[in-house]
Amino acid sequence: MGKTVIRLSCVMTTTFVALAATIIVVPARAQSVSSDVLTKARNNCLTSVAKVVGSPRSSLKVIQQTSNASGISVDVKVPKATAAWGCLTDRQGKVEDVHFKGSEGAL
């Protein structure tokens, strides 16, 4: 996870004191993930999403995949879905969560 730095500044006049906060997120050092692990995460997510939504795996499409310090995120397009389905894996590609990224009323 990134490190959060909070910078405070103060301006003082005879009538008021203004305090402003600026939050700066400093990303953690990037940890690379091998292409084999990314492929494993993608495949595991496609299988898991297919199981949850009851659609054939072959009808799903990965639309985005990112990795960070805590794991790998895969967004999957499901036919007729109003939004993408999200899948989170650990750093080894094991699925930890599958969720709909749109309004639950649209499910």
PDB file of N, CA and C in Angstrom:
ATOM      1  N   MET A   1       0.836  -1.174   0.000  1.00  0.00           N
ATOM      2  CA  MET A   1       0.000   0.000   0.000  1.00  0.00           C
ATOM      3  C   MET A   1       0.877   1.232   0.000  1.00  0.00           C
ATOM      4  N   GLY A   2       0.336   2.309  -0.451  1.00  0.00           N
ATOM      5  CA  GLY A   2       1.074   3.561  -0.472  1.00  0.00           C
ATOM      6  C   GLY A   2       1.182   4.169   0.907  1.00  0.00           C
ATOM      7  N   LYS A   3       2.074   5.088   1.036  1.00  0.00           N
ATOM      8  CA  LYS A   3       2.283   5.794   2.288  1.00  0.00           C
ATOM      9  C   LYS A   3       1.587   7.140   2.175  1.00  0.00           C
ATOM     10  N   THR A   4       0.776   7.497   3.140  1.00  0.00           N
ATOM     11  CA  THR A   4       0.049   8.758   3.104  1.00  0.00           C
ATOM     12  C   THR A   4       0.793   9.810   3.914  1.00  0.00           C
ATOM     13  N   VAL A   5       1.005  10.946   3.292  1.00  0.00           N
ATOM     14  CA  VAL A   5       1.684  12.060   3.945  1.00  0.00           C
ATOM     15  C   VAL A   5       0.684  13.205   4.015  1.00  0.00           C
ATOM     16  N   ILE A   6       0.515  13.791   5.175  1.00  0.00           N
ATOM     17  CA  ILE A   6      -0.394  14.920   5.333  1.00  0.00           C
ATOM     18  C   ILE A   6       0.441  16.166   5.611  1.00  0.00           C
ATOM     19  N   ARG A   7       0.246  17.180   4.775  1.00  0.00           N
ATOM     20  CA  ARG A   7       0.978  18.431   4.928  1.00  0.00           C
ATOM     21  C   ARG A   7      -0.025  19.491   5.375  1.00  0.00           C
ATOM     22  N   LEU A   8       0.273  20.161   6.459  1.00  0.00           N
ATOM     23  CA  LEU A   8      -0.592  21.223   6.967  1.00  0.00           C
ATOM     24  C   LEU A   8       0.100  22.558   6.756  1.00  0.00           C
ATOM     25  N   SER A   9      -0.695  23.537   6.374  1.00  0.00           N
ATOM     26  CA  SER A   9      -0.137  24.878   6.253  1.00  0.00           C
ATOM     27  C   SER A   9      -1.071  25.843   6.975  1.00  0.00           C
ATOM     28  N   CYS A  10      -0.502  26.870   7.519  1.00  0.00           N
ATOM     29  CA  CYS A  10      -1.288  27.811   8.311  1.00  0.00           C
ATOM     30  C   CYS A  10      -1.012  29.226   7.817  1.00  0.00           C
ATOM     31  N   VAL A  11      -2.090  29.982   7.603  1.00  0.00           N
ATOM     32  CA  VAL A  11      -1.985  31.393   7.220  1.00  0.00           C
ATOM     33  C   VAL A  11      -2.705  32.189   8.294  1.00  0.00           C
ATOM     34  N   MET A  12      -2.024  33.155   8.872  1.00  0.00           N
ATOM     35  CA  MET A  12      -2.630  33.902   9.965  1.00  0.00           C
ATOM     36  C   MET A  12      -2.726  35.383   9.596  1.00  0.00           C
ATOM     37  N   THR A  13      -3.893  35.939   9.807  1.00  0.00           N
ATOM     38  CA  THR A  13      -4.073  37.384   9.638  1.00  0.00           C
ATOM     39  C   THR A  13      -4.644  37.912  10.947  1.00  0.00           C
ATOM     40  N   THR A  14      -4.913  39.175  10.983  1.00  0.00           N
ATOM     41  CA  THR A  14      -5.453  39.753  12.215  1.00  0.00           C
ATOM     42  C   THR A  14      -6.887  39.313  12.482  1.00  0.00           C
ATOM     43  N   THR A  15      -7.611  38.845  11.442  1.00  0.00           N
ATOM     44  CA  THR A  15      -9.009  38.487  11.656  1.00  0.00           C
ATOM     45  C   THR A  15      -9.294  36.990  11.650  1.00  0.00           C
ATOM     46  N   PHE A  16      -8.441  36.190  11.056  1.00  0.00           N
ATOM     47  CA  PHE A  16      -8.744  34.760  11.035  1.00  0.00           C
ATOM     48  C   PHE A  16      -7.472  33.941  10.888  1.00  0.00           C
ATOM     49  N   VAL A  17      -7.626  32.668  11.170  1.00  0.00           N
ATOM     50  CA  VAL A  17      -6.557  31.698  10.958  1.00  0.00           C
ATOM     51  C   VAL A  17      -7.114  30.644  10.007  1.00  0.00           C
ATOM     52  N   ALA A  18      -6.464  30.435   8.898  1.00  0.00           N
ATOM     53  CA  ALA A  18      -6.907  29.426   7.927  1.00  0.00           C
ATOM     54  C   ALA A  18      -5.945  28.244   7.987  1.00  0.00           C
ATOM     55  N   LEU A  19      -6.501  27.075   8.014  1.00  0.00           N
ATOM     56  CA  LEU A  19      -5.710  25.852   8.060  1.00  0.00           C
ATOM     57  C   LEU A  19      -6.104  25.006   6.868  1.00  0.00           C
ATOM     58  N   ALA A  20      -5.153  24.661   6.045  1.00  0.00           N
ATOM     59  CA  ALA A  20      -5.436  23.850   4.862  1.00  0.00           C
ATOM     60  C   ALA A  20      -4.618  22.575   4.935  1.00  0.00           C
ATOM     61  N   ALA A  21      -5.239  21.487   4.573  1.00  0.00           N
ATOM     62  CA  ALA A  21      -4.547  20.197   4.567  1.00  0.00           C
ATOM     63  C   ALA A  21      -4.452  19.692   3.146  1.00  0.00           C
ATOM     64  N   THR A  22      -3.307  19.182   2.806  1.00  0.00           N
ATOM     65  CA  THR A  22      -3.099  18.563   1.515  1.00  0.00           C
ATOM     66  C   THR A  22      -2.660  17.133   1.770  1.00  0.00           C
ATOM     67  N   ILE A  23      -3.386  16.198   1.175  1.00  0.00           N
ATOM     68  CA  ILE A  23      -3.025  14.795   1.350  1.00  0.00           C
ATOM     69  C   ILE A  23      -2.277  14.345   0.104  1.00  0.00           C
ATOM     70  N   ILE A  24      -1.110  13.811   0.322  1.00  0.00           N
ATOM     71  CA  ILE A  24      -0.276  13.332  -0.773  1.00  0.00           C
ATOM     72  C   ILE A  24      -0.090  11.836  -0.573  1.00  0.00           C
ATOM     73  N   VAL A  25      -0.440  11.070  -1.572  1.00  0.00           N
ATOM     74  CA  VAL A  25      -0.251   9.626  -1.493  1.00  0.00           C
ATOM     75  C   VAL A  25       1.010   9.283  -2.255  1.00  0.00           C
ATOM     76  N   VAL A  26       1.946   8.699  -1.552  1.00  0.00           N
ATOM     77  CA  VAL A  26       3.208   8.293  -2.147  1.00  0.00           C
ATOM     78  C   VAL A  26       3.115   6.793  -2.391  1.00  0.00           C
ATOM     79  N   PRO A  27       3.119   6.349  -3.655  1.00  0.00           N
ATOM     80  CA  PRO A  27       2.964   4.922  -3.917  1.00  0.00           C
ATOM     81  C   PRO A  27       4.123   4.109  -3.358  1.00  0.00           C
ATOM     82  N   ALA A  28       3.780   2.922  -2.900  1.00  0.00           N
ATOM     83  CA  ALA A  28       4.807   2.004  -2.431  1.00  0.00           C
ATOM     84  C   ALA A  28       5.639   1.575  -3.636  1.00  0.00           C
ATOM     85  N   ARG A  29       6.836   1.108  -3.371  1.00  0.00           N
ATOM     86  CA  ARG A  29       7.693   0.662  -4.439  1.00  0.00           C
ATOM     87  C   ARG A  29       6.992  -0.461  -5.205  1.00  0.00           C
ATOM     88  N   ALA A  30       6.950  -0.337  -6.508  1.00  0.00           N
ATOM     89  CA  ALA A  30       6.260  -1.324  -7.338  1.00  0.00           C
ATOM     90  C   ALA A  30       6.949  -2.678  -7.223  1.00  0.00           C
ATOM     91  N   GLN A  31       6.147  -3.703  -7.047  1.00  0.00           N
ATOM     92  CA  GLN A  31       6.664  -5.064  -7.005  1.00  0.00           C
ATOM     93  C   GLN A  31       6.188  -5.748  -8.267  1.00  0.00           C
ATOM     94  N   SER A  32       7.111  -6.217  -9.069  1.00  0.00           N
ATOM     95  CA  SER A  32       6.722  -6.813 -10.331  1.00  0.00           C
ATOM     96  C   SER A  32       6.112  -8.197 -10.110  1.00  0.00           C
ATOM     97  N   VAL A  33       5.219  -8.552 -11.015  1.00  0.00           N
ATOM     98  CA  VAL A  33       4.575  -9.848 -10.999  1.00  0.00           C
ATOM     99  C   VAL A  33       4.917 -10.506 -12.319  1.00  0.00           C
ATOM    100  N   SER A  34       5.266 -11.771 -12.286  1.00  0.00           N
ATOM    101  CA  SER A  34       5.641 -12.458 -13.518  1.00  0.00           C
ATOM    102  C   SER A  34       4.438 -12.605 -14.444  1.00  0.00           C
ATOM    103  N   SER A  35       4.721 -12.730 -15.723  1.00  0.00           N
ATOM    104  CA  SER A  35       3.644 -12.904 -16.695  1.00  0.00           C
ATOM    105  C   SER A  35       2.890 -14.208 -16.447  1.00  0.00           C
ATOM    106  N   ASP A  36       3.567 -15.225 -15.913  1.00  0.00           N
ATOM    107  CA  ASP A  36       2.893 -16.491 -15.583  1.00  0.00           C
ATOM    108  C   ASP A  36       1.845 -16.280 -14.496  1.00  0.00           C
ATOM    109  N   VAL A  37       2.169 -15.476 -13.490  1.00  0.00           N
ATOM    110  CA  VAL A  37       1.219 -15.207 -12.402  1.00  0.00           C
ATOM    111  C   VAL A  37       0.059 -14.356 -12.921  1.00  0.00           C
ATOM    112  N   LEU A  38       0.341 -13.380 -13.785  1.00  0.00           N
ATOM    113  CA  LEU A  38      -0.726 -12.567 -14.365  1.00  0.00           C
ATOM    114  C   LEU A  38      -1.675 -13.431 -15.196  1.00  0.00           C
ATOM    115  N   THR A  39      -1.123 -14.353 -15.957  1.00  0.00           N
ATOM    116  CA  THR A  39      -1.945 -15.274 -16.750  1.00  0.00           C
ATOM    117  C   THR A  39      -2.774 -16.165 -15.844  1.00  0.00           C
ATOM    118  N   LYS A  40      -2.169 -16.672 -14.778  1.00  0.00           N
ATOM    119  CA  LYS A  40      -2.888 -17.519 -13.821  1.00  0.00           C
ATOM    120  C   LYS A  40      -4.035 -16.744 -13.175  1.00  0.00           C
ATOM    121  N   ALA A  41      -3.775 -15.499 -12.772  1.00  0.00           N
ATOM    122  CA  ALA A  41      -4.812 -14.662 -12.153  1.00  0.00           C
ATOM    123  C   ALA A  41      -5.953 -14.425 -13.128  1.00  0.00           C
ATOM    124  N   ARG A  42      -5.617 -14.093 -14.368  1.00  0.00           N
ATOM    125  CA  ARG A  42      -6.635 -13.846 -15.400  1.00  0.00           C
ATOM    126  C   ARG A  42      -7.490 -15.090 -15.616  1.00  0.00           C
ATOM    127  N   ASN A  43      -6.861 -16.237 -15.776  1.00  0.00           N
ATOM    128  CA  ASN A  43      -7.597 -17.486 -15.996  1.00  0.00           C
ATOM    129  C   ASN A  43      -8.455 -17.860 -14.799  1.00  0.00           C
ATOM    130  N   ASN A  44      -7.909 -17.731 -13.598  1.00  0.00           N
ATOM    131  CA  ASN A  44      -8.673 -18.055 -12.388  1.00  0.00           C
ATOM    132  C   ASN A  44      -9.873 -17.121 -12.233  1.00  0.00           C
ATOM    133  N   CYS A  45      -9.687 -15.846 -12.570  1.00  0.00           N
ATOM    134  CA  CYS A  45     -10.791 -14.892 -12.475  1.00  0.00           C
ATOM    135  C   CYS A  45     -11.878 -15.202 -13.491  1.00  0.00           C
ATOM    136  N   LEU A  46     -11.498 -15.502 -14.716  1.00  0.00           N
ATOM    137  CA  LEU A  46     -12.499 -15.846 -15.730  1.00  0.00           C
ATOM    138  C   LEU A  46     -13.323 -17.055 -15.282  1.00  0.00           C
ATOM    139  N   THR A  47     -12.666 -18.053 -14.735  1.00  0.00           N
ATOM    140  CA  THR A  47     -13.360 -19.250 -14.253  1.00  0.00           C
ATOM    141  C   THR A  47     -14.289 -18.915 -13.095  1.00  0.00           C
ATOM    142  N   SER A  48     -13.814 -18.113 -12.152  1.00  0.00           N
ATOM    143  CA  SER A  48     -14.622 -17.754 -10.974  1.00  0.00           C
ATOM    144  C   SER A  48     -15.819 -16.892 -11.345  1.00  0.00           C
ATOM    145  N   VAL A  49     -15.618 -15.892 -12.208  1.00  0.00           N
ATOM    146  CA  VAL A  49     -16.724 -15.033 -12.622  1.00  0.00           C
ATOM    147  C   VAL A  49     -17.752 -15.861 -13.387  1.00  0.00           C
ATOM    148  N   ALA A  50     -17.308 -16.730 -14.277  1.00  0.00           N
ATOM    149  CA  ALA A  50     -18.225 -17.585 -15.039  1.00  0.00           C
ATOM    150  C   ALA A  50     -19.091 -18.418 -14.095  1.00  0.00           C
ATOM    151  N   LYS A  51     -18.480 -18.934 -13.048  1.00  0.00           N
ATOM    152  CA  LYS A  51     -19.213 -19.747 -12.078  1.00  0.00           C
ATOM    153  C   LYS A  51     -20.250 -18.915 -11.323  1.00  0.00           C
ATOM    154  N   VAL A  52     -19.873 -17.701 -10.923  1.00  0.00           N
ATOM    155  CA  VAL A  52     -20.777 -16.834 -10.163  1.00  0.00           C
ATOM    156  C   VAL A  52     -21.955 -16.368 -11.014  1.00  0.00           C
ATOM    157  N   VAL A  53     -21.697 -15.967 -12.267  1.00  0.00           N
ATOM    158  CA  VAL A  53     -22.767 -15.415 -13.102  1.00  0.00           C
ATOM    159  C   VAL A  53     -23.520 -16.475 -13.895  1.00  0.00           C
ATOM    160  N   GLY A  54     -22.993 -17.692 -13.939  1.00  0.00           N
ATOM    161  CA  GLY A  54     -23.672 -18.757 -14.672  1.00  0.00           C
ATOM    162  C   GLY A  54     -23.562 -18.634 -16.183  1.00  0.00           C
ATOM    163  N   SER A  55     -22.495 -18.029 -16.648  1.00  0.00           N
ATOM    164  CA  SER A  55     -22.247 -17.897 -18.092  1.00  0.00           C
ATOM    165  C   SER A  55     -21.057 -18.766 -18.479  1.00  0.00           C
ATOM    166  N   PRO A  56     -21.012 -19.184 -19.744  1.00  0.00           N
ATOM    167  CA  PRO A  56     -19.831 -19.930 -20.189  1.00  0.00           C
ATOM    168  C   PRO A  56     -18.582 -19.052 -20.107  1.00  0.00           C
ATOM    169  N   ARG A  57     -17.496 -19.633 -19.675  1.00  0.00           N
ATOM    170  CA  ARG A  57     -16.226 -18.900 -19.551  1.00  0.00           C
ATOM    171  C   ARG A  57     -15.829 -18.284 -20.889  1.00  0.00           C
ATOM    172  N   SER A  58     -16.115 -18.976 -21.965  1.00  0.00           N
ATOM    173  CA  SER A  58     -15.730 -18.497 -23.299  1.00  0.00           C
ATOM    174  C   SER A  58     -16.475 -17.222 -23.714  1.00  0.00           C
ATOM    175  N   SER A  59     -17.573 -16.904 -23.035  1.00  0.00           N
ATOM    176  CA  SER A  59     -18.331 -15.692 -23.386  1.00  0.00           C
ATOM    177  C   SER A  59     -17.830 -14.457 -22.642  1.00  0.00           C
ATOM    178  N   LEU A  60     -16.898 -14.639 -21.711  1.00  0.00           N
ATOM    179  CA  LEU A  60     -16.376 -13.530 -20.913  1.00  0.00           C
ATOM    180  C   LEU A  60     -15.110 -12.964 -21.540  1.00  0.00           C
ATOM    181  N   LYS A  61     -14.842 -11.698 -21.232  1.00  0.00           N
ATOM    182  CA  LYS A  61     -13.658 -11.027 -21.779  1.00  0.00           C
ATOM    183  C   LYS A  61     -13.004 -10.179 -20.705  1.00  0.00           C
ATOM    184  N   VAL A  62     -11.694 -10.310 -20.551  1.00  0.00           N
ATOM    185  CA  VAL A  62     -10.935  -9.456 -19.628  1.00  0.00           C
ATOM    186  C   VAL A  62     -10.805  -8.088 -20.280  1.00  0.00           C
ATOM    187  N   ILE A  63     -11.237  -7.048 -19.547  1.00  0.00           N
ATOM    188  CA  ILE A  63     -11.141  -5.693 -20.104  1.00  0.00           C
ATOM    189  C   ILE A  63     -10.045  -4.862 -19.440  1.00  0.00           C
ATOM    190  N   GLN A  64      -9.582  -5.299 -18.262  1.00  0.00           N
ATOM    191  CA  GLN A  64      -8.492  -4.589 -17.592  1.00  0.00           C
ATOM    192  C   GLN A  64      -7.882  -5.496 -16.546  1.00  0.00           C
ATOM    193  N   GLN A  65      -6.581  -5.382 -16.388  1.00  0.00           N
ATOM    194  CA  GLN A  65      -5.878  -6.145 -15.359  1.00  0.00           C
ATOM    195  C   GLN A  65      -4.759  -5.281 -14.805  1.00  0.00           C
ATOM    196  N   THR A  66      -4.715  -5.157 -13.482  1.00  0.00           N
ATOM    197  CA  THR A  66      -3.664  -4.370 -12.838  1.00  0.00           C
ATOM    198  C   THR A  66      -3.127  -5.136 -11.639  1.00  0.00           C
ATOM    199  N   SER A  67      -1.898  -4.853 -11.295  1.00  0.00           N
ATOM    200  CA  SER A  67      -1.327  -5.463 -10.098  1.00  0.00           C
ATOM    201  C   SER A  67      -0.818  -4.373  -9.177  1.00  0.00           C
ATOM    202  N   ASN A  68      -0.860  -4.653  -7.884  1.00  0.00           N
ATOM    203  CA  ASN A  68      -0.333  -3.720  -6.899  1.00  0.00           C
ATOM    204  C   ASN A  68       0.268  -4.535  -5.760  1.00  0.00           C
ATOM    205  N   ALA A  69       0.646  -3.878  -4.703  1.00  0.00           N
ATOM    206  CA  ALA A  69       1.325  -4.560  -3.600  1.00  0.00           C
ATOM    207  C   ALA A  69       0.462  -5.619  -2.932  1.00  0.00           C
ATOM    208  N   SER A  70      -0.864  -5.460  -2.969  1.00  0.00           N
ATOM    209  CA  SER A  70      -1.724  -6.417  -2.269  1.00  0.00           C
ATOM    210  C   SER A  70      -2.239  -7.541  -3.156  1.00  0.00           C
ATOM    211  N   GLY A  71      -2.153  -7.410  -4.471  1.00  0.00           N
ATOM    212  CA  GLY A  71      -2.638  -8.474  -5.336  1.00  0.00           C
ATOM    213  C   GLY A  71      -2.873  -8.019  -6.758  1.00  0.00           C
ATOM    214  N   ILE A  72      -3.745  -8.743  -7.449  1.00  0.00           N
ATOM    215  CA  ILE A  72      -4.026  -8.491  -8.849  1.00  0.00           C
ATOM    216  C   ILE A  72      -5.525  -8.271  -9.008  1.00  0.00           C
ATOM    217  N   SER A  73      -5.886  -7.234  -9.730  1.00  0.00           N
ATOM    218  CA  SER A  73      -7.282  -6.896  -9.982  1.00  0.00           C
ATOM    219  C   SER A  73      -7.585  -7.156 -11.456  1.00  0.00           C
ATOM    220  N   VAL A  74      -8.684  -7.868 -11.707  1.00  0.00           N
ATOM    221  CA  VAL A  74      -9.083  -8.188 -13.081  1.00  0.00           C
ATOM    222  C   VAL A  74     -10.532  -7.753 -13.260  1.00  0.00           C
ATOM    223  N   ASP A  75     -10.800  -6.928 -14.268  1.00  0.00           N
ATOM    224  CA  ASP A  75     -12.162  -6.527 -14.618  1.00  0.00           C
ATOM    225  C   ASP A  75     -12.605  -7.364 -15.806  1.00  0.00           C
ATOM    226  N   VAL A  76     -13.818  -7.916 -15.694  1.00  0.00           N
ATOM    227  CA  VAL A  76     -14.321  -8.852 -16.695  1.00  0.00           C
ATOM    228  C   VAL A  76     -15.640  -8.347 -17.268  1.00  0.00           C
ATOM    229  N   LYS A  77     -15.749  -8.347 -18.587  1.00  0.00           N
ATOM    230  CA  LYS A  77     -16.985  -8.009 -19.291  1.00  0.00           C
ATOM    231  C   LYS A  77     -17.823  -9.276 -19.409  1.00  0.00           C
ATOM    232  N   VAL A  78     -19.070  -9.178 -18.921  1.00  0.00           N
ATOM    233  CA  VAL A  78     -20.016 -10.291 -18.981  1.00  0.00           C
ATOM    234  C   VAL A  78     -21.128  -9.871 -19.945  1.00  0.00           C
ATOM    235  N   PRO A  79     -21.482 -10.733 -20.905  1.00  0.00           N
ATOM    236  CA  PRO A  79     -22.550 -10.369 -21.844  1.00  0.00           C
ATOM    237  C   PRO A  79     -23.829  -9.950 -21.106  1.00  0.00           C
ATOM    238  N   LYS A  80     -24.443  -8.883 -21.589  1.00  0.00           N
ATOM    239  CA  LYS A  80     -25.692  -8.334 -21.070  1.00  0.00           C
ATOM    240  C   LYS A  80     -25.584  -7.710 -19.675  1.00  0.00           C
ATOM    241  N   ALA A  81     -24.400  -7.679 -19.084  1.00  0.00           N
ATOM    242  CA  ALA A  81     -24.225  -7.031 -17.774  1.00  0.00           C
ATOM    243  C   ALA A  81     -24.127  -5.528 -18.000  1.00  0.00           C
ATOM    244  N   THR A  82     -24.670  -4.745 -17.075  1.00  0.00           N
ATOM    245  CA  THR A  82     -24.650  -3.287 -17.209  1.00  0.00           C
ATOM    246  C   THR A  82     -23.328  -2.663 -16.779  1.00  0.00           C
ATOM    247  N   ALA A  83     -22.466  -3.456 -16.171  1.00  0.00           N
ATOM    248  CA  ALA A  83     -21.141  -2.988 -15.750  1.00  0.00           C
ATOM    249  C   ALA A  83     -20.217  -4.204 -15.673  1.00  0.00           C
ATOM    250  N   ALA A  84     -18.959  -3.930 -15.487  1.00  0.00           N
ATOM    251  CA  ALA A  84     -17.970  -5.007 -15.385  1.00  0.00           C
ATOM    252  C   ALA A  84     -18.108  -5.755 -14.057  1.00  0.00           C
ATOM    253  N   TRP A  85     -17.590  -6.944 -14.043  1.00  0.00           N
ATOM    254  CA  TRP A  85     -17.426  -7.717 -12.814  1.00  0.00           C
ATOM    255  C   TRP A  85     -15.960  -7.604 -12.424  1.00  0.00           C
ATOM    256  N   GLY A  86     -15.696  -7.443 -11.136  1.00  0.00           N
ATOM    257  CA  GLY A  86     -14.335  -7.328 -10.638  1.00  0.00           C
ATOM    258  C   GLY A  86     -13.920  -8.605  -9.949  1.00  0.00           C
ATOM    259  N   CYS A  87     -12.663  -8.918 -10.075  1.00  0.00           N
ATOM    260  CA  CYS A  87     -12.095 -10.095  -9.427  1.00  0.00           C
ATOM    261  C   CYS A  87     -10.762  -9.683  -8.817  1.00  0.00           C
ATOM    262  N   LEU A  88     -10.547 -10.058  -7.581  1.00  0.00           N
ATOM    263  CA  LEU A  88      -9.284  -9.769  -6.904  1.00  0.00           C
ATOM    264  C   LEU A  88      -8.594 -11.076  -6.558  1.00  0.00           C
ATOM    265  N   THR A  89      -7.294 -11.130  -6.835  1.00  0.00           N
ATOM    266  CA  THR A  89      -6.503 -12.304  -6.475  1.00  0.00           C
ATOM    267  C   THR A  89      -5.351 -11.880  -5.568  1.00  0.00           C
ATOM    268  N   ASP A  90      -4.750 -12.855  -4.927  1.00  0.00           N
ATOM    269  CA  ASP A  90      -3.539 -12.560  -4.162  1.00  0.00           C
ATOM    270  C   ASP A  90      -2.365 -12.473  -5.131  1.00  0.00           C
ATOM    271  N   ARG A  91      -1.172 -12.302  -4.640  1.00  0.00           N
ATOM    272  CA  ARG A  91       0.014 -12.113  -5.483  1.00  0.00           C
ATOM    273  C   ARG A  91       0.447 -13.400  -6.191  1.00  0.00           C
ATOM    274  N   GLN A  92      -0.226 -14.518  -5.873  1.00  0.00           N
ATOM    275  CA  GLN A  92       0.066 -15.771  -6.555  1.00  0.00           C
ATOM    276  C   GLN A  92      -1.019 -16.136  -7.573  1.00  0.00           C
ATOM    277  N   GLY A  93      -2.086 -15.320  -7.674  1.00  0.00           N
ATOM    278  CA  GLY A  93      -3.145 -15.566  -8.635  1.00  0.00           C
ATOM    279  C   GLY A  93      -4.339 -16.322  -8.090  1.00  0.00           C
ATOM    280  N   LYS A  94      -4.378 -16.552  -6.776  1.00  0.00           N
ATOM    281  CA  LYS A  94      -5.510 -17.246  -6.153  1.00  0.00           C
ATOM    282  C   LYS A  94      -6.643 -16.244  -5.913  1.00  0.00           C
ATOM    283  N   VAL A  95      -7.853 -16.564  -6.388  1.00  0.00           N
ATOM    284  CA  VAL A  95      -8.993 -15.658  -6.280  1.00  0.00           C
ATOM    285  C   VAL A  95      -9.397 -15.463  -4.824  1.00  0.00           C
ATOM    286  N   GLU A  96      -9.560 -14.188  -4.450  1.00  0.00           N
ATOM    287  CA  GLU A  96     -10.000 -13.834  -3.104  1.00  0.00           C
ATOM    288  C   GLU A  96     -11.399 -13.230  -3.090  1.00  0.00           C
ATOM    289  N   ASP A  97     -11.813 -12.591  -4.215  1.00  0.00           N
ATOM    290  CA  ASP A  97     -13.112 -11.920  -4.237  1.00  0.00           C
ATOM    291  C   ASP A  97     -13.602 -11.759  -5.667  1.00  0.00           C
ATOM    292  N   VAL A  98     -14.922 -11.941  -5.861  1.00  0.00           N
ATOM    293  CA  VAL A  98     -15.579 -11.661  -7.137  1.00  0.00           C
ATOM    294  C   VAL A  98     -16.775 -10.779  -6.805  1.00  0.00           C
ATOM    295  N   HIS A  99     -16.915  -9.657  -7.530  1.00  0.00           N
ATOM    296  CA  HIS A  99     -18.011  -8.731  -7.224  1.00  0.00           C
ATOM    297  C   HIS A  99     -18.442  -7.971  -8.478  1.00  0.00           C
ATOM    298  N   PHE A 100     -19.724  -7.561  -8.480  1.00  0.00           N
ATOM    299  CA  PHE A 100     -20.274  -6.746  -9.553  1.00  0.00           C
ATOM    300  C   PHE A 100     -19.888  -5.302  -9.299  1.00  0.00           C
ATOM    301  N   LYS A 101     -19.397  -4.614 -10.306  1.00  0.00           N
ATOM    302  CA  LYS A 101     -18.909  -3.253 -10.116  1.00  0.00           C
ATOM    303  C   LYS A 101     -19.944  -2.169 -10.405  1.00  0.00           C
ATOM    304  N   GLY A 102     -21.127  -2.566 -10.833  1.00  0.00           N
ATOM    305  CA  GLY A 102     -22.179  -1.596 -11.109  1.00  0.00           C
ATOM    306  C   GLY A 102     -23.168  -1.537  -9.973  1.00  0.00           C
ATOM    307  N   SER A 103     -24.321  -0.941 -10.246  1.00  0.00           N
ATOM    308  CA  SER A 103     -25.386  -0.846  -9.263  1.00  0.00           C
ATOM    309  C   SER A 103     -26.008  -2.224  -9.039  1.00  0.00           C
ATOM    310  N   GLU A 104     -26.135  -2.615  -7.792  1.00  0.00           N
ATOM    311  CA  GLU A 104     -26.701  -3.929  -7.497  1.00  0.00           C
ATOM    312  C   GLU A 104     -28.155  -4.020  -7.912  1.00  0.00           C
ATOM    313  N   GLY A 105     -28.833  -2.902  -8.049  1.00  0.00           N
ATOM    314  CA  GLY A 105     -30.203  -2.907  -8.530  1.00  0.00           C
ATOM    315  C   GLY A 105     -30.286  -3.329  -9.993  1.00  0.00           C
ATOM    316  N   ALA A 106     -29.157  -3.234 -10.692  1.00  0.00           N
ATOM    317  CA  ALA A 106     -29.122  -3.605 -12.107  1.00  0.00           C
ATOM    318  C   ALA A 106     -28.827  -5.078 -12.318  1.00  0.00           C
ATOM    319  N   LEU A 107     -28.567  -5.806 -11.231  1.00  0.00           N
ATOM    320  CA  LEU A 107     -28.299  -7.228 -11.369  1.00  0.00           C
ATOM    321  C   LEU A 107     -29.544  -7.899 -11.741  1.00  0.00           C
TER     322      LEU A 107
END
